[in-house]
Amino acid sequence: MISVPRAMLVVATSLVATASAQAEIVGSVSNFAWIRNGVALDERNALCSALLPEYYRAITPEIGGYAAFSVDLSENSLSIMSDVSGIPQLTLGGTQTIRVILPVDVVIESFTLVGVSSVAGFTQEDLQFEGRTLLVRMNGNTFASGGGAITMAFNYVPAPGAMALLLAAAGIGRRQRRAS
């Protein structure tokens, strides 16, 4: 008796479970807000996309010029892109924070700063993470004219349903081997 179809079913089930565990963020809803001095100036929910940034905010600085910030959330990273023009640089005053509330089913273990370009002063200490909420302190950092980027990486625990499916697939494989 050949058990290849059963073995293939176990492998296929494992692949689906693994894909489900890794595809938690794209297609889920997250909340994004720009907070200044404790007041949310702009807040919206966004469906996380693999192709487009989820959040965009443009401002006219008091010193003139133009500044825009976009936030792109992917499966294992978060990037903030800045675009400053008409002035040599921009240092945000007051207390300014980008708040990201991640999807309900995603449990993040930690955020790590991976890279910073054309943003002076930004460090790991500008990231505060608790539960599903990430606060990115923007004030006190200097954004250069042109484009800048802040990139963070994170790891997350797969949703309980995906883990149960993985364990069930492993259990089916063991039972099939014992029966042979």
Protein backbone atom coordinates (compact mmCIF):
# COMPACT_ATOMS: atom_id res chain seq x y z
CA MET A 1 0.00 0.00 0.00
CA ILE A 2 1.37 3.39 -1.01
CA SER A 3 0.74 6.26 1.41
CA VAL A 4 2.10 9.02 -0.82
CA PRO A 5 -1.26 10.87 -1.02
CA ARG A 6 -1.49 11.00 2.79
CA ALA A 7 2.09 12.21 3.07
CA MET A 8 1.38 14.88 0.48
CA LEU A 9 -1.71 15.92 2.46
CA VAL A 10 0.40 16.34 5.59
CA VAL A 11 2.99 18.40 3.69
CA ALA A 12 0.28 20.52 2.03
CA THR A 13 -1.44 21.09 5.39
CA SER A 14 1.87 22.12 6.94
CA LEU A 15 2.57 24.55 4.09
CA VAL A 16 -0.87 26.14 4.43
CA ALA A 17 -0.43 26.44 8.19
CA THR A 18 3.01 27.97 7.77
CA ALA A 19 1.71 30.44 5.19
CA SER A 20 -1.15 31.37 7.53
CA ALA A 21 1.28 31.91 10.38
CA GLN A 22 3.42 34.20 8.23
CA ALA A 23 0.57 36.14 6.62
CA GLU A 24 -0.91 37.70 9.73
CA ILE A 25 -0.35 41.39 9.01
CA VAL A 26 -0.99 41.88 5.30
CA GLY A 27 -4.75 41.91 4.85
CA SER A 28 -5.40 42.86 8.49
CA VAL A 29 -6.48 46.24 9.84
CA SER A 30 -4.07 48.40 11.85
CA ASN A 31 -4.59 51.83 13.38
CA PHE A 32 -2.23 54.75 12.66
CA ALA A 33 -2.15 58.15 14.36
CA TRP A 34 0.00 61.28 14.43
CA ILE A 35 -0.03 62.65 17.97
CA ARG A 36 1.25 66.08 18.96
CA ASN A 37 1.42 67.15 22.60
CA GLY A 38 -0.97 64.35 23.58
CA VAL A 39 -3.64 65.18 20.96
CA ALA A 40 -4.27 62.95 17.94
CA LEU A 41 -4.05 65.30 14.95
CA ASP A 42 -4.78 62.55 12.47
CA GLU A 43 -5.97 58.99 13.13
CA ARG A 44 -7.22 56.30 10.79
CA ASN A 45 -7.56 52.58 10.37
CA ALA A 46 -5.92 51.05 7.31
CA LEU A 47 -5.97 47.66 5.67
CA CYS A 48 -2.33 46.54 5.54
CA SER A 49 -1.19 46.12 1.96
CA ALA A 50 1.82 44.36 0.48
CA LEU A 51 2.05 47.07 -2.19
CA LEU A 52 1.23 50.48 -0.70
CA PRO A 53 2.12 52.43 2.46
CA GLU A 54 -0.68 52.35 5.03
CA TYR A 55 -0.35 55.87 6.42
CA TYR A 56 0.59 59.25 4.93
CA ARG A 57 0.69 62.69 6.52
CA ALA A 58 1.87 65.94 4.94
CA ILE A 59 2.57 69.07 6.95
CA THR A 60 3.63 72.65 6.27
CA PRO A 61 6.33 73.46 8.81
CA GLU A 62 6.22 76.83 10.57
CA ILE A 63 9.59 77.69 8.98
CA GLY A 64 8.17 77.11 5.48
CA GLY A 65 8.72 74.35 2.99
CA TYR A 66 6.95 71.04 2.91
CA ALA A 67 7.27 67.74 4.80
CA ALA A 68 5.52 64.44 4.31
CA PHE A 69 5.79 61.15 6.17
CA SER A 70 4.56 57.74 5.09
CA VAL A 71 4.42 54.56 7.15
CA ASP A 72 4.66 51.16 5.49
CA LEU A 73 3.89 48.05 7.56
CA SER A 74 4.85 44.67 6.13
CA GLU A 75 5.02 41.11 7.50
CA ASN A 76 8.21 41.67 9.48
CA SER A 77 9.17 45.34 9.16
CA LEU A 78 7.90 48.86 9.53
CA SER A 79 9.37 51.74 7.53
CA ILE A 80 8.84 55.46 7.92
CA MET A 81 9.82 57.51 4.89
CA SER A 82 10.26 61.28 5.09
CA ASP A 83 10.19 63.80 2.27
CA VAL A 84 11.30 67.31 3.18
CA SER A 85 11.56 70.03 0.54
CA GLY A 86 11.90 73.80 0.38
CA ILE A 87 14.05 73.90 3.53
CA PRO A 88 17.48 72.39 4.25
CA GLN A 89 16.20 70.31 7.18
CA LEU A 90 13.32 69.94 9.62
CA THR A 91 13.48 69.31 13.36
CA LEU A 92 10.01 68.64 14.73
CA GLY A 93 9.17 70.52 17.95
CA GLY A 94 6.78 69.71 20.76
CA THR A 95 6.05 66.09 21.52
CA GLN A 96 5.29 64.40 18.21
CA THR A 97 4.68 60.69 17.93
CA ILE A 98 3.51 58.24 15.31
CA ARG A 99 1.36 55.59 16.98
CA VAL A 100 0.79 52.22 15.31
CA ILE A 101 -1.70 49.76 16.81
CA LEU A 102 -1.15 46.38 15.22
CA PRO A 103 -3.86 43.84 14.28
CA VAL A 104 -5.56 41.98 17.15
CA ASP A 105 -4.27 38.52 16.16
CA VAL A 106 -0.60 39.55 15.99
CA VAL A 107 1.58 39.22 19.09
CA ILE A 108 4.87 41.05 18.56
CA GLU A 109 7.87 39.97 20.60
CA SER A 110 10.03 43.07 19.97
CA PHE A 111 10.85 45.92 17.59
CA THR A 112 14.46 46.56 16.58
CA LEU A 113 15.83 49.57 14.76
CA VAL A 114 17.53 48.27 11.59
CA GLY A 115 18.53 51.40 9.72
CA VAL A 116 18.27 55.17 9.57
CA SER A 117 19.19 57.34 6.60
CA SER A 118 19.00 61.14 6.33
CA VAL A 119 17.48 61.42 9.84
CA ALA A 120 19.88 62.69 12.49
CA GLY A 121 19.44 61.71 16.12
CA PHE A 122 16.98 58.82 15.72
CA THR A 123 17.88 55.83 17.95
CA GLN A 124 16.34 52.66 19.42
CA GLU A 125 15.26 54.80 22.41
CA ASP A 126 12.80 56.61 20.10
CA LEU A 127 10.80 53.37 19.89
CA GLN A 128 8.44 52.44 22.70
CA PHE A 129 6.54 49.19 22.34
CA GLU A 130 3.91 47.65 24.60
CA GLY A 131 1.25 45.06 23.80
CA ARG A 132 0.11 45.80 20.25
CA THR A 133 1.06 49.48 20.31
CA LEU A 134 4.26 50.98 18.91
CA LEU A 135 5.07 54.63 19.62
CA VAL A 136 7.71 56.24 17.41
CA ARG A 137 9.00 59.53 18.84
CA MET A 138 9.55 61.94 15.96
CA ASN A 139 10.40 65.19 17.79
CA GLY A 140 14.00 66.11 18.46
CA ASN A 141 15.17 64.27 15.35
CA THR A 142 16.33 66.18 12.29
CA PHE A 143 14.98 65.16 8.89
CA ALA A 144 17.22 66.19 5.98
CA SER A 145 15.90 67.77 2.80
CA GLY A 146 15.11 65.09 0.24
CA GLY A 147 14.18 61.60 1.29
CA GLY A 148 14.96 59.90 4.58
CA ALA A 149 14.07 56.53 6.01
CA ILE A 150 13.71 54.82 9.37
CA THR A 151 13.41 51.02 9.20
CA MET A 152 12.47 48.67 12.02
CA ALA A 153 12.23 44.88 12.08
CA PHE A 154 10.11 42.74 14.36
CA ASN A 155 9.24 39.15 15.14
CA TYR A 156 5.83 37.92 16.06
CA VAL A 157 4.21 34.83 17.46
CA PRO A 158 1.79 33.16 15.00
CA ALA A 159 -1.89 33.28 15.91
CA PRO A 160 -3.07 30.39 18.13
CA GLY A 161 -5.17 28.96 15.27
CA ALA A 162 -2.14 28.72 12.97
CA MET A 163 -0.09 27.02 15.70
CA ALA A 164 -2.89 24.51 16.37
CA LEU A 165 -3.02 23.71 12.66
CA LEU A 166 0.75 23.16 12.56
CA LEU A 167 0.58 20.86 15.59
CA ALA A 168 -2.37 18.94 14.10
CA ALA A 169 -0.46 18.44 10.85
CA ALA A 170 2.55 17.12 12.77
CA GLY A 171 0.30 14.77 14.75
CA ILE A 172 -1.29 13.38 11.56
CA GLY A 173 2.15 12.65 10.15
CA ARG A 174 3.19 10.72 13.27
CA ARG A 175 -0.02 8.65 13.32
CA GLN A 176 0.43 7.74 9.67
CA ARG A 177 3.98 6.49 10.28
CA ARG A 178 2.89 4.34 13.26
CA ALA A 179 0.10 2.75 11.25
CA SER A 180 2.51 1.63 8.50
